[in-house]
Amino acid sequence: MITAERKPLEEIIAYVRPFDRILLVGCNECVTVCAAGGRKEVGILSSALQMAFLKQGKNLQVKEHTLERQCDPEYVEELSSMIDGADAVLSMACGCGVQEVARRYRDKPVFPAVNTTFMGASERQGVWAERCQGCGDCLLGITGGICPIARCSKQLLNGPCGGSTHGKCEISPDVDCAWQLIWDRLKALGLENRYEEIIPAKDWRTGRGGGPRKIIREDLAE
């Protein structure tokens, strides 16, 4: 799941200050799950913006709409009937959604209302933690289902490092050592022998170093 947090209200106000009519668009996928940009959050931000501008003597018109997905052109097309009535679009989706709306509606400024943070999972109610960096060369089958790229502060492929103490990372006593977690997991599975296998240098060509990545499925592409 892509996680996000709403930007500070002051930053959002600065984006939309020059405009009178705003189309505020939420997303019913990841940002809804992490309570950052779903229908409820759209309503809250809409009210907050209108109240803030009323205090400044300005009547900001905000039209609210929440798409099933903002990263999908099919759903973004739903905005075509509303876009002419807006001076600018304020998106509460992740960065992918913001960019898709901006790509489709090139004559309208599109602003982000949230900061996209990471791909993560829910640890408990209201708490999400990073679990994947989308490196394009998954190691989870080797490391017991625990990612050393996302969860080791040094991204070590053969750990732990000398800074690990009592199962905690040297950067903070609140951060678990990823390689301690990997060892505990392999031991619980009776796969301790895997820990002794040296993982070769990672092929980072599948990562971000080569620029924006793309997946092409010939069986699905038109």
Protein backbone atom coordinates (compact mmCIF):
# COMPACT_ATOMS: atom_id res chain seq x y z
CA MET A 1 0.00 0.00 0.00
CA ILE A 2 1.25 3.48 -0.83
CA THR A 3 1.08 5.64 2.28
CA ALA A 4 0.73 9.40 2.48
CA GLU A 5 0.17 12.24 4.94
CA ARG A 6 -1.73 15.45 4.36
CA LYS A 7 0.41 18.49 3.76
CA PRO A 8 0.26 21.35 6.29
CA LEU A 9 -2.81 23.50 5.71
CA GLU A 10 -0.64 26.60 5.27
CA GLU A 11 1.20 24.99 2.34
CA ILE A 12 -2.06 23.98 0.67
CA ILE A 13 -3.49 27.47 1.15
CA ALA A 14 -0.43 28.93 -0.56
CA TYR A 15 -1.05 26.69 -3.57
CA VAL A 16 -4.67 27.68 -4.07
CA ARG A 17 -4.59 31.31 -2.92
CA PRO A 18 -4.56 32.78 -6.48
CA PHE A 19 -7.69 30.87 -7.48
CA ASP A 20 -11.41 31.26 -6.77
CA ARG A 21 -12.74 27.84 -7.83
CA ILE A 22 -11.04 24.63 -6.76
CA LEU A 23 -11.80 21.04 -7.73
CA LEU A 24 -10.72 18.95 -4.73
CA VAL A 25 -10.26 15.33 -5.74
CA GLY A 26 -9.78 12.35 -3.43
CA CYS A 27 -8.84 8.75 -4.19
CA ASN A 28 -10.65 5.68 -2.95
CA GLU A 29 -7.59 3.44 -2.86
CA CYS A 30 -4.37 3.59 -0.77
CA VAL A 31 -4.80 7.09 0.63
CA THR A 32 -8.25 6.14 1.86
CA VAL A 33 -6.86 3.17 3.76
CA CYS A 34 -4.20 5.30 5.46
CA ALA A 35 -6.75 8.06 6.17
CA ALA A 36 -4.96 10.72 4.13
CA GLY A 37 -7.05 11.39 1.02
CA GLY A 38 -10.34 9.54 0.90
CA ARG A 39 -13.86 10.95 0.78
CA LYS A 40 -13.82 11.79 4.49
CA GLU A 41 -10.51 13.64 4.25
CA VAL A 42 -11.72 15.52 1.17
CA GLY A 43 -14.67 16.84 3.18
CA ILE A 44 -12.46 17.84 6.10
CA LEU A 45 -9.96 19.68 3.91
CA SER A 46 -12.71 21.38 1.94
CA SER A 47 -14.23 22.80 5.11
CA ALA A 48 -10.85 23.83 6.48
CA LEU A 49 -9.94 25.70 3.30
CA GLN A 50 -13.24 27.52 3.03
CA MET A 51 -13.12 28.58 6.68
CA ALA A 52 -9.53 29.77 6.34
CA PHE A 53 -10.33 31.91 3.31
CA LEU A 54 -13.55 33.27 4.84
CA LYS A 55 -11.45 34.62 7.69
CA GLN A 56 -9.44 36.47 5.05
CA GLY A 57 -12.59 37.83 3.40
CA LYS A 58 -12.49 35.54 0.39
CA ASN A 59 -15.22 33.15 -0.73
CA LEU A 60 -13.37 30.09 -2.04
CA GLN A 61 -15.57 27.75 -4.07
CA VAL A 62 -14.61 24.11 -3.57
CA LYS A 63 -16.18 21.25 -5.52
CA GLU A 64 -15.50 17.84 -3.98
CA HIS A 65 -15.14 14.57 -5.84
CA THR A 66 -13.51 11.24 -4.99
CA LEU A 67 -12.38 8.89 -7.75
CA GLU A 68 -12.08 5.15 -7.45
CA ARG A 69 -8.44 5.54 -8.53
CA GLN A 70 -6.50 8.61 -9.62
CA CYS A 71 -3.62 6.66 -11.16
CA ASP A 72 -5.93 5.10 -13.78
CA PRO A 73 -6.82 7.14 -16.92
CA GLU A 74 -10.24 5.48 -17.09
CA TYR A 75 -11.28 6.93 -13.74
CA VAL A 76 -9.52 10.28 -14.21
CA GLU A 77 -11.71 10.81 -17.26
CA GLU A 78 -14.65 11.24 -14.86
CA LEU A 79 -13.35 14.72 -14.07
CA SER A 80 -13.88 15.96 -17.63
CA SER A 81 -17.39 17.18 -16.87
CA MET A 82 -16.17 19.17 -13.84
CA ILE A 83 -12.82 20.50 -14.96
CA ASP A 84 -14.11 23.55 -16.85
CA GLY A 85 -15.78 24.82 -13.71
CA ALA A 86 -12.49 24.94 -11.81
CA ASP A 87 -9.51 27.26 -11.93
CA ALA A 88 -7.22 24.61 -10.44
CA VAL A 89 -7.25 21.03 -9.17
CA LEU A 90 -6.16 20.00 -5.69
CA SER A 91 -5.42 16.28 -5.54
CA MET A 92 -5.41 14.20 -2.37
CA ALA A 93 -4.00 11.14 -4.15
CA CYS A 94 -0.42 9.89 -4.07
CA GLY A 95 2.12 11.39 -6.44
CA CYS A 96 1.09 8.93 -9.17
CA GLY A 97 -2.47 10.20 -9.08
CA VAL A 98 -1.44 13.86 -9.07
CA GLN A 99 0.70 13.29 -12.16
CA GLU A 100 -2.01 11.37 -14.01
CA VAL A 101 -4.54 14.17 -13.44
CA ALA A 102 -1.95 16.73 -14.58
CA ARG A 103 -1.17 14.64 -17.68
CA ARG A 104 -4.83 14.40 -18.67
CA TYR A 105 -5.82 18.02 -17.96
CA ARG A 106 -2.84 19.99 -19.23
CA ASP A 107 -4.57 23.37 -19.19
CA LYS A 108 -5.28 23.26 -15.45
CA PRO A 109 -2.76 23.63 -12.62
CA VAL A 110 -2.81 20.52 -10.41
CA PHE A 111 -1.49 20.69 -6.85
CA PRO A 112 -0.76 17.92 -4.32
CA ALA A 113 -2.54 18.05 -0.97
CA VAL A 114 -0.60 15.12 0.51
CA ASN A 115 3.02 14.02 0.82
CA THR A 116 3.55 10.52 -0.56
CA THR A 117 5.76 8.69 1.92
CA PHE A 118 6.40 4.99 1.25
CA MET A 119 5.01 1.55 0.41
CA GLY A 120 4.08 0.01 3.70
CA ALA A 121 1.78 -2.07 5.81
CA SER A 122 -0.45 -1.47 8.81
CA GLU A 123 1.19 -2.42 12.11
CA ARG A 124 -1.84 -1.48 14.16
CA GLN A 125 -4.69 1.02 14.08
CA GLY A 126 -3.33 4.35 12.86
CA VAL A 127 0.26 3.12 12.41
CA TRP A 128 1.83 2.29 9.04
CA ALA A 129 5.43 1.22 8.50
CA GLU A 130 7.66 1.05 5.43
CA ARG A 131 8.05 -2.45 4.02
CA CYS A 132 9.08 -2.09 0.36
CA GLN A 133 11.14 0.28 -1.80
CA GLY A 134 10.16 -1.22 -5.14
CA CYS A 135 13.75 -2.13 -6.02
CA GLY A 136 12.64 -4.40 -8.87
CA ASP A 137 14.68 -7.41 -7.70
CA CYS A 138 12.84 -8.96 -4.76
CA LEU A 139 14.89 -10.83 -2.15
CA LEU A 140 12.06 -11.87 0.15
CA GLY A 141 12.32 -15.53 -0.88
CA ILE A 142 15.86 -15.59 0.47
CA THR A 143 15.44 -13.49 3.59
CA GLY A 144 12.41 -15.12 5.14
CA GLY A 145 9.90 -12.58 3.90
CA ILE A 146 11.65 -9.60 5.53
CA CYS A 147 13.13 -6.97 3.20
CA PRO A 148 16.69 -5.85 3.97
CA ILE A 149 16.46 -3.08 1.36
CA ALA A 150 13.52 -1.32 3.00
CA ARG A 151 14.09 -2.34 6.62
CA CYS A 152 17.86 -2.27 7.06
CA SER A 153 19.10 1.30 7.48
CA LYS A 154 22.24 0.40 5.49
CA GLN A 155 20.46 -1.87 2.99
CA LEU A 156 22.90 -4.66 3.83
CA LEU A 157 22.51 -7.91 1.92
CA ASN A 158 24.61 -9.87 4.43
CA GLY A 159 24.10 -8.66 7.98
CA PRO A 160 23.91 -7.65 10.67
CA CYS A 161 26.45 -4.84 10.85
CA GLY A 162 28.61 -4.12 13.87
CA GLY A 163 26.19 -1.47 15.09
CA SER A 164 23.37 -3.87 15.88
CA THR A 165 22.84 -4.24 19.65
CA HIS A 166 20.29 -6.48 21.37
CA GLY A 167 18.30 -6.76 18.17
CA LYS A 168 18.08 -3.00 17.64
CA CYS A 169 19.58 -0.76 14.95
CA GLU A 170 22.29 1.69 15.90
CA ILE A 171 20.28 4.60 14.50
CA SER A 172 17.65 4.27 17.23
CA PRO A 173 16.68 1.87 20.02
CA ASP A 174 13.15 2.02 18.63
CA VAL A 175 14.20 0.53 15.28
CA ASP A 176 14.47 -3.24 14.97
CA CYS A 177 17.59 -4.62 13.31
CA ALA A 178 16.30 -6.06 10.04
CA TRP A 179 18.88 -8.83 10.07
CA GLN A 180 17.92 -9.84 13.59
CA LEU A 181 14.34 -10.12 12.33
CA ILE A 182 15.55 -12.15 9.35
CA TRP A 183 17.51 -14.52 11.59
CA ASP A 184 14.60 -14.98 13.99
CA ARG A 185 12.29 -15.72 11.08
CA LEU A 186 14.64 -18.22 9.42
CA LYS A 187 15.25 -19.94 12.76
CA ALA A 188 11.51 -20.24 13.40
CA LEU A 189 11.15 -21.87 9.97
CA GLY A 190 14.07 -24.23 10.54
CA LEU A 191 15.96 -22.59 7.70
CA GLU A 192 19.01 -21.35 9.61
CA ASN A 193 21.30 -22.74 6.88
CA ARG A 194 20.08 -20.02 4.54
CA TYR A 195 21.66 -17.43 6.80
CA GLU A 196 25.09 -18.83 6.02
CA GLU A 197 24.64 -18.39 2.28
CA ILE A 198 26.35 -15.25 0.98
CA ILE A 199 23.96 -13.09 -1.03
CA PRO A 200 25.82 -11.73 -4.08
CA ALA A 201 25.94 -8.03 -4.94
CA LYS A 202 22.48 -6.80 -5.85
CA ASP A 203 21.59 -5.99 -9.44
CA TRP A 204 20.57 -2.37 -9.02
CA ARG A 205 19.80 -1.96 -12.73
CA THR A 206 16.21 -2.80 -11.86
CA GLY A 207 16.10 0.09 -9.38
CA ARG A 208 15.80 3.84 -9.83
CA GLY A 209 19.34 4.34 -11.13
CA GLY A 210 18.22 3.81 -14.71
CA GLY A 211 15.54 6.50 -14.58
CA PRO A 212 11.74 6.05 -14.58
CA ARG A 213 10.77 2.41 -14.87
CA LYS A 214 8.03 0.84 -16.96
CA ILE A 215 6.37 -2.56 -17.12
CA ILE A 216 5.15 -3.73 -20.52
CA ARG A 217 2.98 -6.84 -20.77
CA GLU A 218 2.86 -7.77 -24.44
CA ASP A 219 -0.17 -10.00 -23.82
CA LEU A 220 -2.12 -7.01 -22.45
CA ALA A 221 -0.68 -4.01 -24.32
CA GLU A 222 -2.73 -2.60 -27.17
